[in-house]
Amino acid sequence: MTLSEAYDYIDLLIDKANQPYFIDSEKDIFLNLSITEFLNKRYALMGVNQDFSEIYGNRVSLNQGSTGYTMTENYVELPNYYHLTFASLNGKECRIVSDDEAVELLVSNNPFNSVSALHPICYVTDNAGGGLRAYFAPDIGSDTTDNTLDFSEEDKFNIRYLKHLTVTDWDDIPEQYQQDIINISIRKLSANIESPNYQVQAHEEQQ
């Protein structure tokens, strides 16, 4: 189903007498909200696994050979980030942790839960300058410019993550899931205009 066909399908489902008309840009807003809701529901149901990334065709892989990426710091920029699924540093798989957990691990003296070159971690946090970054720890190598420990160009990393989808990625979403997203959009649109169809759509969502 093309995006234009999706617009027509939405019009058909909400086209009733005395109902407001939504232009395509307004439908895009509801479709984007619905795509996010759908992804969140599927993620909660399926978890981070191979099926999830292949269903949506939205897995991104980055390594030191990727255009524009070199290990001169201890982080990697993550454009269109949705969820981190895998990270490794110098051949060792990283434990993926939250930002808060990373802080606790890095200040902890617990030898049974330490962060080292053999047991690295990776976590995603918001960059104050905008955008999301995946940080690696521990830092290795040295940076003579500020005397902090950073990565060197010899260090190897690999990251896989799921990117966030919008209507611009509509053609990458399989049609059976496009239908689910449209149904969510209809529910949101019906609620927005206080249509009696909202209850019907909400009930169908639960089936």
N, C-alpha and C. Protein backbone atom coordinates (compact mmCIF):
# COMPACT_ATOMS: atom_id res chain seq x y z
N MET A 1 0.84 -1.19 0.00
CA MET A 1 0.00 0.00 0.00
C MET A 1 0.88 1.25 0.00
N THR A 2 0.64 2.13 -0.96
CA THR A 2 1.40 3.38 -1.00
C THR A 2 0.85 4.36 0.02
N LEU A 3 1.60 5.42 0.28
CA LEU A 3 1.13 6.42 1.24
C LEU A 3 -0.11 7.12 0.71
N SER A 4 -0.17 7.34 -0.59
CA SER A 4 -1.35 7.96 -1.19
C SER A 4 -2.58 7.08 -1.00
N GLU A 5 -2.41 5.78 -1.15
CA GLU A 5 -3.52 4.84 -0.92
C GLU A 5 -3.93 4.84 0.54
N ALA A 6 -2.96 5.00 1.43
CA ALA A 6 -3.27 5.07 2.86
C ALA A 6 -4.12 6.30 3.18
N TYR A 7 -3.79 7.43 2.54
CA TYR A 7 -4.59 8.64 2.72
C TYR A 7 -6.04 8.38 2.29
N ASP A 8 -6.20 7.75 1.12
CA ASP A 8 -7.54 7.46 0.61
C ASP A 8 -8.30 6.52 1.54
N TYR A 9 -7.59 5.55 2.08
CA TYR A 9 -8.20 4.57 2.98
C TYR A 9 -8.68 5.27 4.26
N ILE A 10 -7.89 6.19 4.78
CA ILE A 10 -8.29 6.95 5.97
C ILE A 10 -9.53 7.78 5.67
N ASP A 11 -9.54 8.43 4.49
CA ASP A 11 -10.72 9.22 4.11
C ASP A 11 -11.96 8.35 4.07
N LEU A 12 -11.82 7.16 3.52
CA LEU A 12 -12.96 6.25 3.39
C LEU A 12 -13.49 5.84 4.76
N LEU A 13 -12.61 5.59 5.69
CA LEU A 13 -13.02 5.09 7.00
C LEU A 13 -13.63 6.18 7.88
N ILE A 14 -13.24 7.43 7.69
CA ILE A 14 -13.79 8.49 8.55
C ILE A 14 -14.73 9.41 7.81
N ASP A 15 -14.98 9.13 6.54
CA ASP A 15 -15.83 10.01 5.73
C ASP A 15 -17.30 9.83 6.10
N LYS A 16 -17.78 10.72 6.89
CA LYS A 16 -19.19 10.73 7.29
C LYS A 16 -19.73 12.15 7.14
N ALA A 17 -21.03 12.27 7.05
CA ALA A 17 -21.63 13.59 6.94
C ALA A 17 -21.30 14.43 8.17
N ASN A 18 -21.03 15.69 7.92
CA ASN A 18 -20.74 16.66 8.98
C ASN A 18 -19.45 16.38 9.74
N GLN A 19 -18.57 15.55 9.17
CA GLN A 19 -17.28 15.30 9.78
C GLN A 19 -16.23 16.18 9.12
N PRO A 20 -15.25 16.69 9.88
CA PRO A 20 -14.23 17.54 9.29
C PRO A 20 -13.33 16.75 8.34
N TYR A 21 -12.73 17.46 7.40
CA TYR A 21 -11.83 16.84 6.44
C TYR A 21 -10.38 17.09 6.86
N PHE A 22 -9.56 16.06 6.78
CA PHE A 22 -8.15 16.18 7.14
C PHE A 22 -7.31 16.22 5.87
N ILE A 23 -6.44 17.22 5.78
CA ILE A 23 -5.53 17.28 4.65
C ILE A 23 -4.37 16.30 4.90
N ASP A 24 -3.59 16.03 3.86
CA ASP A 24 -2.55 15.00 3.97
C ASP A 24 -1.52 15.31 5.04
N SER A 25 -1.14 16.57 5.18
CA SER A 25 -0.14 16.92 6.19
C SER A 25 -0.68 16.67 7.60
N GLU A 26 -1.98 16.83 7.80
CA GLU A 26 -2.58 16.53 9.10
C GLU A 26 -2.63 15.02 9.31
N LYS A 27 -2.91 14.28 8.26
CA LYS A 27 -2.90 12.81 8.38
C LYS A 27 -1.50 12.32 8.73
N ASP A 28 -0.48 12.99 8.18
CA ASP A 28 0.90 12.60 8.48
C ASP A 28 1.18 12.70 9.98
N ILE A 29 0.65 13.73 10.62
CA ILE A 29 0.86 13.90 12.06
C ILE A 29 0.31 12.70 12.81
N PHE A 30 -0.91 12.28 12.47
CA PHE A 30 -1.54 11.15 13.16
C PHE A 30 -0.87 9.83 12.78
N LEU A 31 -0.42 9.72 11.53
CA LEU A 31 0.28 8.50 11.13
C LEU A 31 1.61 8.36 11.86
N ASN A 32 2.31 9.47 12.03
CA ASN A 32 3.58 9.43 12.76
C ASN A 32 3.36 9.02 14.22
N LEU A 33 2.32 9.58 14.84
CA LEU A 33 1.98 9.19 16.21
C LEU A 33 1.62 7.71 16.27
N SER A 34 0.92 7.24 15.27
CA SER A 34 0.47 5.85 15.24
C SER A 34 1.63 4.90 14.99
N ILE A 35 2.59 5.29 14.15
CA ILE A 35 3.77 4.46 13.91
C ILE A 35 4.55 4.28 15.22
N THR A 36 4.71 5.37 15.96
CA THR A 36 5.43 5.29 17.24
C THR A 36 4.70 4.40 18.22
N GLU A 37 3.38 4.55 18.31
CA GLU A 37 2.59 3.70 19.21
C GLU A 37 2.70 2.23 18.79
N PHE A 38 2.63 1.98 17.50
CA PHE A 38 2.72 0.61 17.00
C PHE A 38 4.07 0.00 17.33
N LEU A 39 5.16 0.75 17.10
CA LEU A 39 6.50 0.25 17.41
C LEU A 39 6.65 -0.05 18.89
N ASN A 40 6.12 0.84 19.73
CA ASN A 40 6.22 0.62 21.16
C ASN A 40 5.48 -0.63 21.59
N LYS A 41 4.31 -0.85 21.02
CA LYS A 41 3.54 -2.05 21.36
C LYS A 41 4.26 -3.31 20.89
N ARG A 42 4.78 -3.28 19.66
CA ARG A 42 5.47 -4.45 19.13
C ARG A 42 6.75 -4.71 19.91
N TYR A 43 7.45 -3.66 20.30
CA TYR A 43 8.68 -3.84 21.06
C TYR A 43 8.39 -4.46 22.41
N ALA A 44 7.33 -3.98 23.07
CA ALA A 44 6.97 -4.53 24.38
C ALA A 44 6.57 -6.00 24.25
N LEU A 45 5.96 -6.36 23.12
CA LEU A 45 5.49 -7.72 22.92
C LEU A 45 6.61 -8.66 22.51
N MET A 46 7.48 -8.20 21.59
CA MET A 46 8.48 -9.08 21.01
C MET A 46 9.86 -8.94 21.61
N GLY A 47 10.15 -7.80 22.20
CA GLY A 47 11.49 -7.57 22.71
C GLY A 47 12.45 -7.26 21.58
N VAL A 48 13.68 -7.05 21.95
CA VAL A 48 14.70 -6.75 20.94
C VAL A 48 15.23 -8.07 20.42
N ASN A 49 14.82 -8.45 19.23
CA ASN A 49 15.29 -9.70 18.66
C ASN A 49 15.38 -9.58 17.14
N GLN A 50 15.82 -10.65 16.52
CA GLN A 50 16.02 -10.64 15.07
C GLN A 50 14.72 -10.38 14.33
N ASP A 51 13.62 -10.97 14.81
CA ASP A 51 12.34 -10.81 14.12
C ASP A 51 11.94 -9.35 14.05
N PHE A 52 12.11 -8.65 15.15
CA PHE A 52 11.67 -7.25 15.20
C PHE A 52 12.40 -6.42 14.16
N SER A 53 13.71 -6.57 14.08
CA SER A 53 14.48 -5.73 13.16
C SER A 53 14.22 -6.09 11.71
N GLU A 54 13.98 -7.37 11.43
CA GLU A 54 13.75 -7.77 10.05
C GLU A 54 12.33 -7.40 9.59
N ILE A 55 11.39 -7.44 10.49
CA ILE A 55 10.01 -7.10 10.13
C ILE A 55 9.94 -5.68 9.60
N TYR A 56 10.63 -4.78 10.23
CA TYR A 56 10.52 -3.38 9.85
C TYR A 56 11.63 -2.91 8.92
N GLY A 57 12.64 -3.75 8.71
CA GLY A 57 13.72 -3.34 7.84
C GLY A 57 14.39 -2.07 8.31
N ASN A 58 14.45 -1.88 9.62
CA ASN A 58 14.95 -0.60 10.13
C ASN A 58 16.19 -0.75 10.99
N ARG A 59 16.96 -1.83 10.77
CA ARG A 59 18.18 -2.01 11.55
C ARG A 59 19.33 -1.27 10.90
N VAL A 60 20.07 -0.55 11.70
CA VAL A 60 21.23 0.21 11.23
C VAL A 60 22.48 -0.40 11.85
N SER A 61 23.53 -0.57 11.06
CA SER A 61 24.80 -1.06 11.56
C SER A 61 25.87 0.00 11.35
N LEU A 62 26.65 0.26 12.37
CA LEU A 62 27.74 1.22 12.30
C LEU A 62 29.01 0.57 12.84
N ASN A 63 30.12 0.83 12.18
CA ASN A 63 31.41 0.41 12.70
C ASN A 63 32.47 1.41 12.28
N GLN A 64 33.71 1.14 12.61
CA GLN A 64 34.77 2.10 12.33
C GLN A 64 34.95 2.34 10.84
N GLY A 65 34.39 1.44 9.99
CA GLY A 65 34.48 1.62 8.55
C GLY A 65 33.34 2.43 7.96
N SER A 66 32.34 2.77 8.79
CA SER A 66 31.20 3.52 8.31
C SER A 66 31.61 4.95 7.97
N THR A 67 31.00 5.50 6.94
CA THR A 67 31.32 6.85 6.50
C THR A 67 31.12 7.86 7.63
N GLY A 68 32.16 8.63 7.90
CA GLY A 68 32.05 9.69 8.89
C GLY A 68 32.24 9.27 10.32
N TYR A 69 32.55 7.98 10.57
CA TYR A 69 32.70 7.52 11.94
C TYR A 69 34.12 7.03 12.19
N THR A 70 34.77 7.64 13.16
CA THR A 70 36.08 7.20 13.63
C THR A 70 36.08 7.25 15.15
N MET A 71 36.86 6.37 15.74
CA MET A 71 36.91 6.30 17.20
C MET A 71 37.96 7.26 17.74
N THR A 72 37.65 8.54 17.73
CA THR A 72 38.55 9.52 18.33
C THR A 72 38.01 9.98 19.68
N GLU A 73 36.79 9.61 19.99
CA GLU A 73 36.20 9.86 21.30
C GLU A 73 35.66 8.53 21.80
N ASN A 74 34.86 8.57 22.84
CA ASN A 74 34.31 7.31 23.35
C ASN A 74 32.82 7.20 23.07
N TYR A 75 32.36 7.79 21.96
CA TYR A 75 30.94 7.72 21.63
C TYR A 75 30.75 7.67 20.12
N VAL A 76 29.53 7.31 19.72
CA VAL A 76 29.14 7.27 18.31
C VAL A 76 27.79 7.97 18.18
N GLU A 77 27.66 8.85 17.21
CA GLU A 77 26.38 9.52 16.97
C GLU A 77 25.38 8.51 16.40
N LEU A 78 24.11 8.63 16.83
CA LEU A 78 23.07 7.70 16.41
C LEU A 78 21.91 8.45 15.74
N PRO A 79 21.98 8.69 14.45
CA PRO A 79 20.87 9.39 13.77
C PRO A 79 19.62 8.52 13.70
N ASN A 80 18.46 9.12 13.88
CA ASN A 80 17.16 8.42 13.80
C ASN A 80 17.09 7.23 14.75
N TYR A 81 17.63 7.39 15.94
CA TYR A 81 17.73 6.29 16.89
C TYR A 81 16.38 5.91 17.49
N TYR A 82 16.15 4.58 17.62
CA TYR A 82 14.97 4.09 18.34
C TYR A 82 15.38 3.19 19.52
N HIS A 83 16.20 2.15 19.24
CA HIS A 83 16.61 1.27 20.33
C HIS A 83 17.89 0.54 19.96
N LEU A 84 18.82 0.48 20.90
CA LEU A 84 20.10 -0.19 20.72
C LEU A 84 19.92 -1.69 20.89
N THR A 85 20.43 -2.48 19.95
CA THR A 85 20.27 -3.93 20.03
C THR A 85 21.57 -4.68 20.23
N PHE A 86 22.70 -4.09 19.81
CA PHE A 86 23.98 -4.79 19.95
C PHE A 86 25.12 -3.78 19.91
N ALA A 87 26.16 -4.04 20.69
CA ALA A 87 27.36 -3.21 20.65
C ALA A 87 28.56 -4.06 21.05
N SER A 88 29.67 -3.85 20.39
CA SER A 88 30.90 -4.55 20.75
C SER A 88 32.06 -3.58 20.65
N LEU A 89 33.08 -3.85 21.43
CA LEU A 89 34.29 -3.02 21.43
C LEU A 89 35.50 -3.93 21.41
N ASN A 90 36.31 -3.79 20.37
CA ASN A 90 37.53 -4.59 20.21
C ASN A 90 37.25 -6.09 20.36
N GLY A 91 36.17 -6.52 19.72
CA GLY A 91 35.84 -7.95 19.69
C GLY A 91 35.10 -8.46 20.91
N LYS A 92 34.86 -7.61 21.90
CA LYS A 92 34.14 -8.02 23.10
C LYS A 92 32.74 -7.42 23.09
N GLU A 93 31.73 -8.28 23.24
CA GLU A 93 30.36 -7.78 23.26
C GLU A 93 30.12 -6.93 24.49
N CYS A 94 29.51 -5.77 24.29
CA CYS A 94 29.24 -4.85 25.40
C CYS A 94 27.93 -5.21 26.10
N ARG A 95 27.92 -5.02 27.38
CA ARG A 95 26.65 -5.08 28.11
C ARG A 95 25.94 -3.75 27.90
N ILE A 96 24.70 -3.79 27.42
CA ILE A 96 23.94 -2.57 27.17
C ILE A 96 23.21 -2.18 28.44
N VAL A 97 23.48 -0.99 28.93
CA VAL A 97 22.90 -0.53 30.19
C VAL A 97 22.28 0.85 30.00
N SER A 98 21.54 1.28 31.00
CA SER A 98 20.95 2.62 30.97
C SER A 98 22.00 3.65 31.33
N ASP A 99 21.69 4.89 31.09
CA ASP A 99 22.59 6.00 31.43
C ASP A 99 22.88 6.00 32.93
N ASP A 100 21.84 5.88 33.74
CA ASP A 100 22.02 5.90 35.20
C ASP A 100 22.83 4.70 35.69
N GLU A 101 22.55 3.53 35.11
CA GLU A 101 23.28 2.34 35.51
C GLU A 101 24.75 2.46 35.15
N ALA A 102 25.04 3.08 34.01
CA ALA A 102 26.44 3.26 33.61
C ALA A 102 27.18 4.11 34.63
N VAL A 103 26.55 5.18 35.10
CA VAL A 103 27.19 6.03 36.10
C VAL A 103 27.50 5.24 37.36
N GLU A 104 26.55 4.42 37.81
CA GLU A 104 26.75 3.61 39.01
C GLU A 104 27.88 2.60 38.81
N LEU A 105 27.92 1.97 37.65
CA LEU A 105 28.95 0.97 37.38
C LEU A 105 30.34 1.59 37.34
N LEU A 106 30.45 2.78 36.77
CA LEU A 106 31.75 3.40 36.59
C LEU A 106 32.34 3.94 37.90
N VAL A 107 31.49 4.18 38.89
CA VAL A 107 32.00 4.66 40.19
C VAL A 107 32.05 3.53 41.22
N SER A 108 31.55 2.37 40.86
CA SER A 108 31.50 1.25 41.80
C SER A 108 32.87 0.58 41.90
N ASN A 109 33.16 0.06 43.10
CA ASN A 109 34.39 -0.71 43.32
C ASN A 109 34.11 -2.20 43.42
N ASN A 110 32.92 -2.60 42.99
CA ASN A 110 32.54 -4.01 43.07
C ASN A 110 33.32 -4.83 42.05
N PRO A 111 34.21 -5.70 42.47
CA PRO A 111 35.02 -6.47 41.51
C PRO A 111 34.22 -7.48 40.71
N PHE A 112 33.03 -7.83 41.19
CA PHE A 112 32.20 -8.81 40.49
C PHE A 112 31.28 -8.15 39.46
N ASN A 113 31.30 -6.83 39.41
CA ASN A 113 30.44 -6.12 38.47
C ASN A 113 31.21 -4.93 37.87
N SER A 114 32.46 -5.19 37.54
CA SER A 114 33.34 -4.13 37.09
C SER A 114 33.23 -3.91 35.59
N VAL A 115 33.69 -2.74 35.16
CA VAL A 115 33.76 -2.39 33.75
C VAL A 115 35.22 -2.40 33.35
N SER A 116 35.55 -3.20 32.33
CA SER A 116 36.94 -3.33 31.91
C SER A 116 36.99 -3.59 30.42
N ALA A 117 38.19 -3.67 29.88
CA ALA A 117 38.35 -3.98 28.46
C ALA A 117 37.77 -5.34 28.11
N LEU A 118 37.76 -6.24 29.08
CA LEU A 118 37.18 -7.57 28.86
C LEU A 118 35.67 -7.56 29.09
N HIS A 119 35.19 -6.58 29.83
CA HIS A 119 33.76 -6.49 30.15
C HIS A 119 33.28 -5.06 29.91
N PRO A 120 33.25 -4.63 28.65
CA PRO A 120 32.84 -3.25 28.35
C PRO A 120 31.33 -3.07 28.43
N ILE A 121 30.91 -1.83 28.53
CA ILE A 121 29.50 -1.49 28.51
C ILE A 121 29.24 -0.45 27.43
N CYS A 122 27.98 -0.33 27.06
CA CYS A 122 27.56 0.68 26.09
C CYS A 122 26.22 1.23 26.55
N TYR A 123 26.06 2.55 26.47
CA TYR A 123 24.81 3.17 26.90
C TYR A 123 24.52 4.37 26.02
N VAL A 124 23.24 4.68 25.89
CA VAL A 124 22.78 5.79 25.04
C VAL A 124 22.33 6.93 25.93
N THR A 125 22.77 8.12 25.58
CA THR A 125 22.36 9.30 26.32
C THR A 125 22.21 10.48 25.38
N ASP A 126 21.48 11.47 25.82
CA ASP A 126 21.22 12.65 25.00
C ASP A 126 22.42 13.58 25.04
N ASN A 127 22.84 14.04 23.89
CA ASN A 127 23.93 15.00 23.80
C ASN A 127 23.37 16.40 24.04
N ALA A 128 24.02 17.17 24.91
CA ALA A 128 23.53 18.51 25.23
C ALA A 128 23.44 19.38 23.99
N GLY A 129 24.27 19.10 22.99
CA GLY A 129 24.26 19.88 21.77
C GLY A 129 23.23 19.41 20.76
N GLY A 130 22.48 18.37 21.10
CA GLY A 130 21.47 17.83 20.19
C GLY A 130 21.84 16.46 19.67
N GLY A 131 20.86 15.59 19.57
CA GLY A 131 21.11 14.25 19.06
C GLY A 131 21.44 13.26 20.16
N LEU A 132 21.43 11.98 19.80
CA LEU A 132 21.72 10.91 20.74
C LEU A 132 23.06 10.27 20.42
N ARG A 133 23.75 9.84 21.47
CA ARG A 133 25.04 9.21 21.32
C ARG A 133 25.08 7.89 22.07
N ALA A 134 25.78 6.91 21.50
CA ALA A 134 26.07 5.67 22.21
C ALA A 134 27.49 5.79 22.76
N TYR A 135 27.63 5.73 24.07
CA TYR A 135 28.93 5.83 24.72
C TYR A 135 29.45 4.45 25.09
N PHE A 136 30.75 4.29 24.94
CA PHE A 136 31.42 3.07 25.36
C PHE A 136 32.19 3.33 26.65
N ALA A 137 32.33 2.30 27.46
CA ALA A 137 33.20 2.36 28.63
C ALA A 137 33.78 0.96 28.84
N PRO A 138 35.01 0.81 29.31
CA PRO A 138 35.85 1.92 29.77
C PRO A 138 36.51 2.65 28.60
N ASP A 139 36.92 3.89 28.86
CA ASP A 139 37.75 4.60 27.90
C ASP A 139 39.12 3.93 27.88
N ILE A 140 39.69 3.81 26.70
CA ILE A 140 41.03 3.25 26.58
C ILE A 140 41.84 4.14 25.66
N GLY A 141 43.13 4.00 25.68
CA GLY A 141 43.97 4.89 24.91
C GLY A 141 44.17 6.18 25.70
N SER A 142 44.69 7.20 25.06
CA SER A 142 44.91 8.46 25.76
C SER A 142 44.75 9.63 24.81
N ASP A 143 44.32 10.74 25.32
CA ASP A 143 44.16 11.96 24.54
C ASP A 143 45.06 13.02 25.17
N THR A 144 46.12 13.37 24.48
CA THR A 144 47.09 14.30 25.04
C THR A 144 46.59 15.73 25.06
N THR A 145 45.45 15.99 24.35
CA THR A 145 44.96 17.37 24.30
C THR A 145 44.30 17.79 25.59
N ASP A 146 43.62 16.86 26.25
CA ASP A 146 42.96 17.22 27.50
C ASP A 146 43.27 16.25 28.63
N ASN A 147 44.20 15.32 28.38
CA ASN A 147 44.65 14.36 29.40
C ASN A 147 43.56 13.42 29.89
N THR A 148 42.47 13.29 29.11
CA THR A 148 41.44 12.33 29.45
C THR A 148 41.65 11.07 28.62
N LEU A 149 41.05 9.99 29.06
CA LEU A 149 41.18 8.73 28.35
C LEU A 149 40.11 8.63 27.27
N ASP A 150 40.52 8.54 26.03
CA ASP A 150 39.60 8.38 24.91
C ASP A 150 40.05 7.20 24.07
N PHE A 151 39.31 6.93 23.02
CA PHE A 151 39.68 5.85 22.13
C PHE A 151 40.70 6.31 21.11
N SER A 152 41.45 5.35 20.61
CA SER A 152 42.38 5.64 19.53
C SER A 152 41.81 5.10 18.23
N GLU A 153 42.45 5.45 17.12
CA GLU A 153 41.94 5.01 15.83
C GLU A 153 42.10 3.51 15.64
N GLU A 154 42.90 2.86 16.47
CA GLU A 154 43.08 1.41 16.35
C GLU A 154 41.93 0.63 17.00
N ASP A 155 41.16 1.29 17.82
CA ASP A 155 40.07 0.62 18.51
C ASP A 155 38.92 0.34 17.54
N LYS A 156 38.32 -0.83 17.67
CA LYS A 156 37.27 -1.27 16.76
C LYS A 156 35.94 -1.36 17.51
N PHE A 157 34.91 -0.84 16.87
CA PHE A 157 33.59 -0.92 17.48
C PHE A 157 32.57 -1.41 16.45
N ASN A 158 31.47 -1.90 16.95
CA ASN A 158 30.34 -2.28 16.10
C ASN A 158 29.06 -2.02 16.87
N ILE A 159 28.13 -1.37 16.21
CA ILE A 159 26.84 -1.05 16.84
C ILE A 159 25.71 -1.40 15.89
N ARG A 160 24.68 -1.98 16.43
CA ARG A 160 23.44 -2.19 15.67
C ARG A 160 22.29 -1.59 16.47
N TYR A 161 21.45 -0.85 15.78
CA TYR A 161 20.30 -0.28 16.47
C TYR A 161 19.11 -0.19 15.52
N LEU A 162 17.94 -0.07 16.11
CA LEU A 162 16.72 0.10 15.33
C LEU A 162 16.46 1.58 15.19
N LYS A 163 16.19 2.00 13.97
CA LYS A 163 15.93 3.43 13.75
C LYS A 163 14.45 3.73 13.93
N HIS A 164 14.18 4.97 14.23
CA HIS A 164 12.80 5.43 14.38
C HIS A 164 12.19 5.63 13.00
N LEU A 165 10.97 5.14 12.80
CA LEU A 165 10.29 5.24 11.52
C LEU A 165 9.26 6.37 11.53
N THR A 166 9.06 6.96 10.36
CA THR A 166 8.02 7.98 10.16
C THR A 166 7.31 7.66 8.85
N VAL A 167 6.41 8.54 8.44
CA VAL A 167 5.69 8.31 7.18
C VAL A 167 6.64 8.33 5.98
N THR A 168 7.80 8.94 6.13
CA THR A 168 8.76 8.93 5.02
C THR A 168 9.31 7.52 4.78
N ASP A 169 9.16 6.63 5.76
CA ASP A 169 9.60 5.24 5.63
C ASP A 169 8.42 4.31 5.33
N TRP A 170 7.29 4.87 4.92
CA TRP A 170 6.06 4.08 4.77
C TRP A 170 6.26 2.86 3.88
N ASP A 171 6.96 3.02 2.78
CA ASP A 171 7.14 1.91 1.84
C ASP A 171 7.99 0.78 2.42
N ASP A 172 8.72 1.04 3.52
CA ASP A 172 9.55 0.01 4.14
C ASP A 172 8.78 -0.83 5.15
N ILE A 173 7.54 -0.42 5.44
CA ILE A 173 6.72 -1.15 6.41
C ILE A 173 5.83 -2.14 5.67
N PRO A 174 5.88 -3.43 6.01
CA PRO A 174 5.03 -4.42 5.34
C PRO A 174 3.55 -4.04 5.44
N GLU A 175 2.79 -4.41 4.41
CA GLU A 175 1.40 -3.95 4.33
C GLU A 175 0.55 -4.41 5.49
N GLN A 176 0.79 -5.62 6.02
CA GLN A 176 -0.04 -6.08 7.13
C GLN A 176 0.13 -5.19 8.36
N TYR A 177 1.30 -4.58 8.50
CA TYR A 177 1.52 -3.67 9.62
C TYR A 177 1.06 -2.26 9.28
N GLN A 178 1.07 -1.92 8.02
CA GLN A 178 0.49 -0.64 7.60
C GLN A 178 -0.98 -0.58 8.00
N GLN A 179 -1.67 -1.70 7.82
CA GLN A 179 -3.09 -1.75 8.19
C GLN A 179 -3.28 -1.49 9.68
N ASP A 180 -2.43 -2.09 10.50
CA ASP A 180 -2.51 -1.87 11.94
C ASP A 180 -2.28 -0.41 12.28
N ILE A 181 -1.30 0.20 11.63
CA ILE A 181 -0.98 1.60 11.88
C ILE A 181 -2.12 2.50 11.47
N ILE A 182 -2.74 2.20 10.32
CA ILE A 182 -3.89 2.99 9.87
C ILE A 182 -5.04 2.88 10.86
N ASN A 183 -5.28 1.69 11.39
CA ASN A 183 -6.36 1.53 12.37
C ASN A 183 -6.10 2.36 13.62
N ILE A 184 -4.85 2.42 14.05
CA ILE A 184 -4.51 3.27 15.20
C ILE A 184 -4.77 4.73 14.85
N SER A 185 -4.40 5.12 13.62
CA SER A 185 -4.63 6.50 13.17
C SER A 185 -6.11 6.84 13.17
N ILE A 186 -6.94 5.92 12.70
CA ILE A 186 -8.38 6.15 12.67
C ILE A 186 -8.91 6.36 14.08
N ARG A 187 -8.41 5.56 15.00
CA ARG A 187 -8.84 5.72 16.40
C ARG A 187 -8.46 7.11 16.92
N LYS A 188 -7.24 7.55 16.63
CA LYS A 188 -6.79 8.85 17.09
C LYS A 188 -7.56 9.99 16.41
N LEU A 189 -7.80 9.84 15.12
CA LEU A 189 -8.56 10.86 14.39
C LEU A 189 -10.00 10.93 14.89
N SER A 190 -10.60 9.78 15.14
CA SER A 190 -11.98 9.75 15.62
C SER A 190 -12.09 10.38 17.00
N ALA A 191 -11.10 10.12 17.85
CA ALA A 191 -11.10 10.74 19.18
C ALA A 191 -10.91 12.24 19.07
N ASN A 192 -10.09 12.67 18.12
CA ASN A 192 -9.82 14.09 17.95
C ASN A 192 -11.07 14.87 17.56
N ILE A 193 -11.92 14.26 16.74
CA ILE A 193 -13.14 14.95 16.30
C ILE A 193 -14.36 14.53 17.12
N GLU A 194 -14.09 13.76 18.21
CA GLU A 194 -15.15 13.30 19.10
C GLU A 194 -16.22 12.54 18.34
N SER A 195 -15.77 11.68 17.46
CA SER A 195 -16.70 10.88 16.67
C SER A 195 -17.18 9.67 17.47
N PRO A 196 -18.45 9.26 17.29
CA PRO A 196 -18.93 8.05 17.96
C PRO A 196 -18.21 6.80 17.47
N ASN A 197 -17.52 6.89 16.32
CA ASN A 197 -16.77 5.74 15.82
C ASN A 197 -15.56 5.44 16.68
N TYR A 198 -15.17 6.36 17.57
CA TYR A 198 -13.99 6.16 18.40
C TYR A 198 -14.13 4.89 19.23
N GLN A 199 -15.29 4.68 19.85
CA GLN A 199 -15.49 3.51 20.68
C GLN A 199 -15.38 2.23 19.86
N VAL A 200 -15.87 2.27 18.62
CA VAL A 200 -15.79 1.08 17.76
C VAL A 200 -14.34 0.78 17.45
N GLN A 201 -13.57 1.80 17.08
CA GLN A 201 -12.16 1.60 16.76
C GLN A 201 -11.39 1.14 17.99
N ALA A 202 -11.65 1.72 19.15
CA ALA A 202 -10.96 1.33 20.37
C ALA A 202 -11.24 -0.12 20.70
N HIS A 203 -12.50 -0.55 20.49
CA HIS A 203 -12.86 -1.94 20.76
C HIS A 203 -12.14 -2.88 19.79
N GLU A 204 -12.05 -2.51 18.51
CA GLU A 204 -11.36 -3.33 17.53
C GLU A 204 -9.88 -3.45 17.83
N GLU A 205 -9.29 -2.39 18.40
CA GLU A 205 -7.88 -2.41 18.76
C GLU A 205 -7.59 -3.48 19.81
N GLN A 206 -8.60 -3.76 20.66
CA GLN A 206 -8.40 -4.72 21.76
C GLN A 206 -8.62 -6.15 21.32
N GLN A 207 -9.13 -6.33 20.11
CA GLN A 207 -9.46 -7.70 19.65
C GLN A 207 -8.20 -8.43 19.20
